[in-house]
């Protein structure tokens, strides 16, 4: 199949078939109680979704086995013309409250209560590169060198990583936003799952907390057809190119960046992040 192209929407690079319907998303107004899981693509979105679903269901494991995670939480801007209705169209027919996810930057949304997850730029770039390779509904990344350049300039799906993570960070105290870091979630999942549960006002017992952490560990989710996207048709996602659940590690960027790429990227990162107090770790002790 022919891969889609990128089209700008208010300065943000979007997939052409999403850009055509983006006005529907912009007009969507969250209802009281709606929850939005927001991330830059490949920053721990599916992991966070499964954590949230388990907490909201009272750790109902059987409920989570009934359908894939992408059916349990609506991707608000996603559509496949002729095959999948826009997420917002689906949401408008569902009772409130709903839990939904988005990759959109803040300025295209009217946020309800939000769980935002940020992942360090280097790991995020590597993960997004491999995802674009296996996902036929993405433009195709080209070589790693080419993709890294486009990532740095923001000419990738859903726009600039820098604008995305700082945009949500800057308003975290003006809206009901729980701002999380992928690296913190990997370092101490018990602590971070507990924070999510408190934010959702769904306290967990110690046993429930341990169960959520176990069920959302990377090995379990990688092998779970309800979370690993293996139920998606192969003309959409080709797991023989790269699995959707690839590594789930902090610091995997070291396997892709050359010394020259790392030097250029870190200088660019320093310049782009100079005006913010947002700090992200790209390795763990």
Protein backbone atom coordinates (compact mmCIF):
# COMPACT_ATOMS: atom_id res chain seq x y z
CA UNK A 1 0.00 0.00 0.00
CA UNK A 2 1.05 3.59 -0.55
CA UNK A 3 2.20 5.21 2.66
CA UNK A 4 0.59 8.49 3.73
CA UNK A 5 2.24 11.89 3.57
CA UNK A 6 2.47 14.62 6.17
CA UNK A 7 0.32 17.75 6.11
CA UNK A 8 0.64 20.74 8.46
CA UNK A 9 -2.19 21.53 10.88
CA UNK A 10 -1.59 24.79 12.77
CA UNK A 11 2.15 24.23 12.43
CA UNK A 12 2.07 20.56 13.45
CA UNK A 13 2.95 17.81 10.97
CA UNK A 14 0.06 15.35 10.80
CA UNK A 15 -0.73 12.28 8.71
CA UNK A 16 -2.67 13.50 5.69
CA UNK A 17 -5.76 11.38 6.38
CA UNK A 18 -5.92 12.66 9.97
CA UNK A 19 -5.28 16.26 8.93
CA UNK A 20 -8.38 16.20 6.74
CA UNK A 21 -10.59 15.43 9.76
CA UNK A 22 -8.67 17.39 12.39
CA UNK A 23 -11.42 20.03 12.67
CA UNK A 24 -13.59 17.35 14.31
CA UNK A 25 -10.96 16.83 16.99
CA UNK A 26 -10.45 20.55 17.56
CA UNK A 27 -14.19 21.03 18.08
CA UNK A 28 -14.43 18.20 20.63
CA UNK A 29 -15.15 19.41 24.14
CA UNK A 30 -14.30 17.07 26.97
CA UNK A 31 -17.12 16.26 29.33
CA UNK A 32 -16.95 16.22 33.14
CA UNK A 33 -15.14 13.10 34.24
CA UNK A 34 -13.48 12.38 30.89
CA UNK A 35 -9.83 11.37 31.18
CA UNK A 36 -7.20 12.00 28.52
CA UNK A 37 -3.97 10.01 28.29
CA UNK A 38 -1.61 12.23 26.32
CA UNK A 39 1.91 11.45 25.13
CA UNK A 40 4.22 12.03 22.23
CA UNK A 41 4.10 8.89 20.05
CA UNK A 42 6.04 5.92 21.48
CA UNK A 43 6.57 7.42 24.92
CA UNK A 44 4.86 4.71 26.97
CA UNK A 45 1.28 5.28 25.81
CA UNK A 46 0.11 1.66 25.68
CA UNK A 47 1.77 0.90 29.02
CA UNK A 48 -0.06 3.82 30.64
CA UNK A 49 -3.35 2.83 29.01
CA UNK A 50 -3.20 -0.67 30.45
CA UNK A 51 -2.31 0.65 33.90
CA UNK A 52 -5.26 3.05 33.79
CA UNK A 53 -7.73 0.41 32.57
CA UNK A 54 -6.70 -1.98 35.33
CA UNK A 55 -7.07 0.71 37.98
CA UNK A 56 -10.43 1.90 36.66
CA UNK A 57 -11.76 -1.66 36.52
CA UNK A 58 -10.74 -2.46 40.08
CA UNK A 59 -7.99 -4.71 38.71
CA UNK A 60 -10.51 -6.82 36.79
CA UNK A 61 -8.12 -9.06 34.87
CA UNK A 62 -10.91 -10.82 32.98
CA UNK A 63 -12.23 -7.50 31.68
CA UNK A 64 -8.80 -6.71 30.23
CA UNK A 65 -8.75 -10.06 28.42
CA UNK A 66 -11.98 -9.40 26.49
CA UNK A 67 -10.66 -6.91 23.95
CA UNK A 68 -7.41 -5.26 22.81
CA UNK A 69 -6.31 -2.16 24.66
CA UNK A 70 -6.86 -0.02 21.55
CA UNK A 71 -10.57 -0.90 21.68
CA UNK A 72 -10.91 -0.18 25.39
CA UNK A 73 -9.51 3.35 25.12
CA UNK A 74 -10.43 5.47 22.09
CA UNK A 75 -7.65 7.13 20.08
CA UNK A 76 -9.40 10.46 19.61
CA UNK A 77 -7.77 11.72 16.39
CA UNK A 78 -7.22 8.35 14.71
CA UNK A 79 -9.10 7.28 11.60
CA UNK A 80 -8.57 5.00 8.63
CA UNK A 81 -10.71 6.27 5.75
CA UNK A 82 -13.24 3.66 4.74
CA UNK A 83 -12.28 1.34 7.62
CA UNK A 84 -12.18 3.14 10.97
CA UNK A 85 -14.30 6.14 12.00
CA UNK A 86 -12.58 9.11 13.61
CA UNK A 87 -12.12 8.57 17.32
CA UNK A 88 -14.07 11.74 18.11
CA UNK A 89 -17.05 10.47 16.11
CA UNK A 90 -17.01 7.28 18.18
CA UNK A 91 -16.66 9.24 21.42
CA UNK A 92 -19.65 11.44 20.65
CA UNK A 93 -21.84 8.32 20.69
CA UNK A 94 -20.48 7.04 24.01
CA UNK A 95 -21.75 7.94 27.48
CA UNK A 96 -19.57 10.07 29.73
CA UNK A 97 -17.15 9.68 31.38
CA UNK A 98 -14.76 8.20 28.83
CA UNK A 99 -11.04 7.54 28.79
CA UNK A 100 -9.29 8.48 25.58
CA UNK A 101 -5.78 8.91 24.28
CA UNK A 102 -4.10 11.43 22.03
CA UNK A 103 -0.74 12.32 20.54
CA UNK A 104 -1.85 15.87 19.82
CA UNK A 105 0.00 18.84 21.30
CA UNK A 106 -1.80 20.95 23.85
CA UNK A 107 -2.68 23.89 21.61
CA UNK A 108 -4.95 21.69 19.47
CA UNK A 109 -7.00 20.51 22.45
CA UNK A 110 -9.38 21.58 25.19
CA UNK A 111 -7.96 19.37 27.93
CA UNK A 112 -10.05 17.57 30.55
CA UNK A 113 -8.17 15.84 33.37
CA UNK A 114 -4.98 14.52 31.82
CA UNK A 115 -2.30 11.93 32.48
CA UNK A 116 0.71 13.00 30.44
CA UNK A 117 3.78 10.81 29.95
CA UNK A 118 7.09 12.14 28.65
CA UNK A 119 10.02 10.00 27.51
CA UNK A 120 13.54 11.32 26.96
CA UNK A 121 14.14 12.56 23.42
CA UNK A 122 16.83 10.09 22.40
CA UNK A 123 14.92 6.95 23.38
CA UNK A 124 11.71 8.45 22.01
CA UNK A 125 13.33 9.13 18.63
CA UNK A 126 14.71 5.59 18.36
CA UNK A 127 11.39 4.01 19.33
CA UNK A 128 9.43 6.19 16.90
CA UNK A 129 11.88 5.35 14.09
CA UNK A 130 11.34 1.60 14.49
CA UNK A 131 7.59 2.11 14.84
CA UNK A 132 7.40 4.05 11.58
CA UNK A 133 9.27 1.24 9.86
CA UNK A 134 6.72 -1.41 10.85
CA UNK A 135 3.56 0.73 10.61
CA UNK A 136 2.25 0.99 7.06
CA UNK A 137 0.01 3.91 8.07
CA UNK A 138 3.08 6.07 8.74
CA UNK A 139 5.10 7.91 6.07
CA UNK A 140 8.14 5.67 6.44
CA UNK A 141 11.21 6.95 8.27
CA UNK A 142 13.91 6.54 5.64
CA UNK A 143 17.33 5.84 7.12
CA UNK A 144 18.02 6.42 10.80
CA UNK A 145 20.16 9.42 9.84
CA UNK A 146 17.31 10.91 7.80
CA UNK A 147 14.73 10.25 10.47
CA UNK A 148 16.86 11.73 13.25
CA UNK A 149 17.24 14.95 11.28
CA UNK A 150 13.47 15.17 10.75
CA UNK A 151 12.85 14.40 14.44
CA UNK A 152 15.15 17.24 15.45
CA UNK A 153 13.37 19.69 13.15
CA UNK A 154 9.88 18.50 14.07
CA UNK A 155 9.03 17.27 10.57
CA UNK A 156 7.62 13.97 11.86
CA UNK A 157 4.16 12.68 12.75
CA UNK A 158 2.56 14.80 15.46
CA UNK A 159 5.24 17.45 15.19
CA UNK A 160 8.04 18.62 17.44
CA UNK A 161 8.94 16.52 20.46
CA UNK A 162 10.31 19.66 22.10
CA UNK A 163 7.08 21.63 21.68
CA UNK A 164 5.01 18.66 22.80
CA UNK A 165 6.71 17.87 26.10
CA UNK A 166 7.27 21.51 27.08
CA UNK A 167 3.77 22.57 26.02
CA UNK A 168 2.14 20.16 28.44
CA UNK A 169 4.76 20.82 31.13
CA UNK A 170 4.13 24.57 31.07
CA UNK A 171 0.41 24.21 31.85
CA UNK A 172 0.57 21.29 34.28
CA UNK A 173 -0.42 23.53 37.20
CA UNK A 174 -3.20 25.37 35.33
CA UNK A 175 -5.12 22.20 34.49
CA UNK A 176 -5.69 18.92 36.30
CA UNK A 177 -2.63 17.22 34.81
CA UNK A 178 -0.55 14.40 36.23
CA UNK A 179 2.78 14.77 34.43
CA UNK A 180 4.75 11.51 34.47
CA UNK A 181 8.11 10.41 33.14
CA UNK A 182 8.70 7.08 31.41
CA UNK A 183 12.04 6.82 33.18
CA UNK A 184 10.41 7.19 36.62
CA UNK A 185 7.87 4.52 35.69
CA UNK A 186 10.67 2.11 34.77
CA UNK A 187 12.70 2.97 37.86
CA UNK A 188 9.90 2.49 40.41
CA UNK A 189 6.66 1.21 38.86
CA UNK A 190 5.04 0.64 42.28
CA UNK A 191 5.46 4.31 43.17
CA UNK A 192 4.24 5.62 39.82
CA UNK A 193 1.24 3.28 39.56
CA UNK A 194 0.27 4.40 43.06
CA UNK A 195 0.47 8.04 41.91
CA UNK A 196 -1.81 7.27 38.96
CA UNK A 197 -4.31 5.53 41.24
CA UNK A 198 -4.39 8.50 43.62
CA UNK A 199 -4.86 10.90 40.70
CA UNK A 200 -7.81 8.82 39.50
CA UNK A 201 -9.16 8.70 43.06
CA UNK A 202 -9.12 4.91 42.85
CA UNK A 203 -6.85 3.82 45.72
CA UNK A 204 -5.40 0.32 45.45
CA UNK A 205 -4.60 -2.18 48.14
CA UNK A 206 -1.00 -3.37 48.35
CA UNK A 207 -2.01 -6.64 46.69
CA UNK A 208 -3.84 -4.83 43.86
CA UNK A 209 -0.90 -2.52 43.34
CA UNK A 210 1.49 -5.45 42.98
CA UNK A 211 -0.92 -7.15 40.58
CA UNK A 212 -1.13 -4.07 38.34
CA UNK A 213 2.66 -3.75 38.28
CA UNK A 214 3.03 -7.44 37.39
CA UNK A 215 0.38 -7.39 34.65
CA UNK A 216 1.84 -4.24 33.08
CA UNK A 217 5.48 -5.33 33.18
CA UNK A 218 7.14 -5.27 29.77
CA UNK A 219 7.54 -9.07 29.39
CA UNK A 220 3.89 -9.68 30.25
CA UNK A 221 2.56 -6.96 27.93
CA UNK A 222 4.92 -8.02 25.13
CA UNK A 223 3.45 -11.54 25.20
CA UNK A 224 -0.16 -10.46 25.72
CA UNK A 225 -2.16 -10.27 22.44
CA UNK A 226 -4.49 -7.75 24.09
CA UNK A 227 -1.62 -5.26 24.49
CA UNK A 228 1.06 -6.13 21.90
CA UNK A 229 -0.99 -5.15 18.81
CA UNK A 230 -0.56 -8.59 17.26
CA UNK A 231 -4.32 -8.57 16.59
CA UNK A 232 -3.90 -5.68 14.13
CA UNK A 233 -3.89 -6.80 10.45
CA UNK A 234 -0.39 -7.24 9.01
CA UNK A 235 -1.14 -4.80 6.19
CA UNK A 236 -1.28 -2.21 8.97
CA UNK A 237 1.51 -3.28 11.34
CA UNK A 238 4.22 -5.69 10.20
CA UNK A 239 5.77 -7.18 13.33
CA UNK A 240 8.34 -9.05 11.23
CA UNK A 241 9.94 -5.65 10.53
CA UNK A 242 9.93 -4.60 14.18
CA UNK A 243 7.64 -5.70 17.02
CA UNK A 244 5.27 -3.09 18.41
CA UNK A 245 6.53 -3.95 21.90
CA UNK A 246 10.21 -3.73 21.04
CA UNK A 247 12.41 -3.23 24.12
CA UNK A 248 10.80 -0.95 26.68
CA UNK A 249 14.16 0.14 28.06
CA UNK A 250 15.73 3.38 29.18
CA UNK A 251 19.04 4.03 27.41
CA UNK A 252 18.45 1.86 24.34
CA UNK A 253 19.37 4.92 22.25
CA UNK A 254 23.03 3.97 22.74
CA UNK A 255 22.53 1.17 20.19
CA UNK A 256 21.50 3.58 17.42
CA UNK A 257 23.30 6.91 17.86
CA UNK A 258 26.74 7.27 16.33
CA UNK A 259 29.25 9.50 18.11
CA UNK A 260 28.72 12.26 15.53
CA UNK A 261 24.94 11.99 15.76
CA UNK A 262 25.07 12.13 19.54
CA UNK A 263 27.25 15.23 19.55
CA UNK A 264 24.98 17.07 17.11
CA UNK A 265 21.81 15.96 18.89
CA UNK A 266 22.97 16.97 22.34
CA UNK A 267 23.95 20.46 21.17
CA UNK A 268 20.59 20.83 19.42
CA UNK A 269 18.80 19.55 22.54
CA UNK A 270 20.66 22.01 24.75
CA UNK A 271 19.63 24.91 22.51
CA UNK A 272 15.98 23.84 22.23
CA UNK A 273 15.53 23.18 25.95
CA UNK A 274 17.44 26.23 27.23
CA UNK A 275 14.31 28.14 28.20
CA UNK A 276 12.56 25.41 30.20
CA UNK A 277 13.06 23.89 33.63
CA UNK A 278 11.83 20.52 32.35
CA UNK A 279 14.53 17.89 32.87
CA UNK A 280 14.42 14.34 31.52
CA UNK A 281 16.84 11.51 32.23
CA UNK A 282 18.22 9.45 29.34
CA UNK A 283 19.66 6.71 31.54
CA UNK A 284 19.01 5.09 34.90
CA UNK A 285 21.54 4.26 37.63
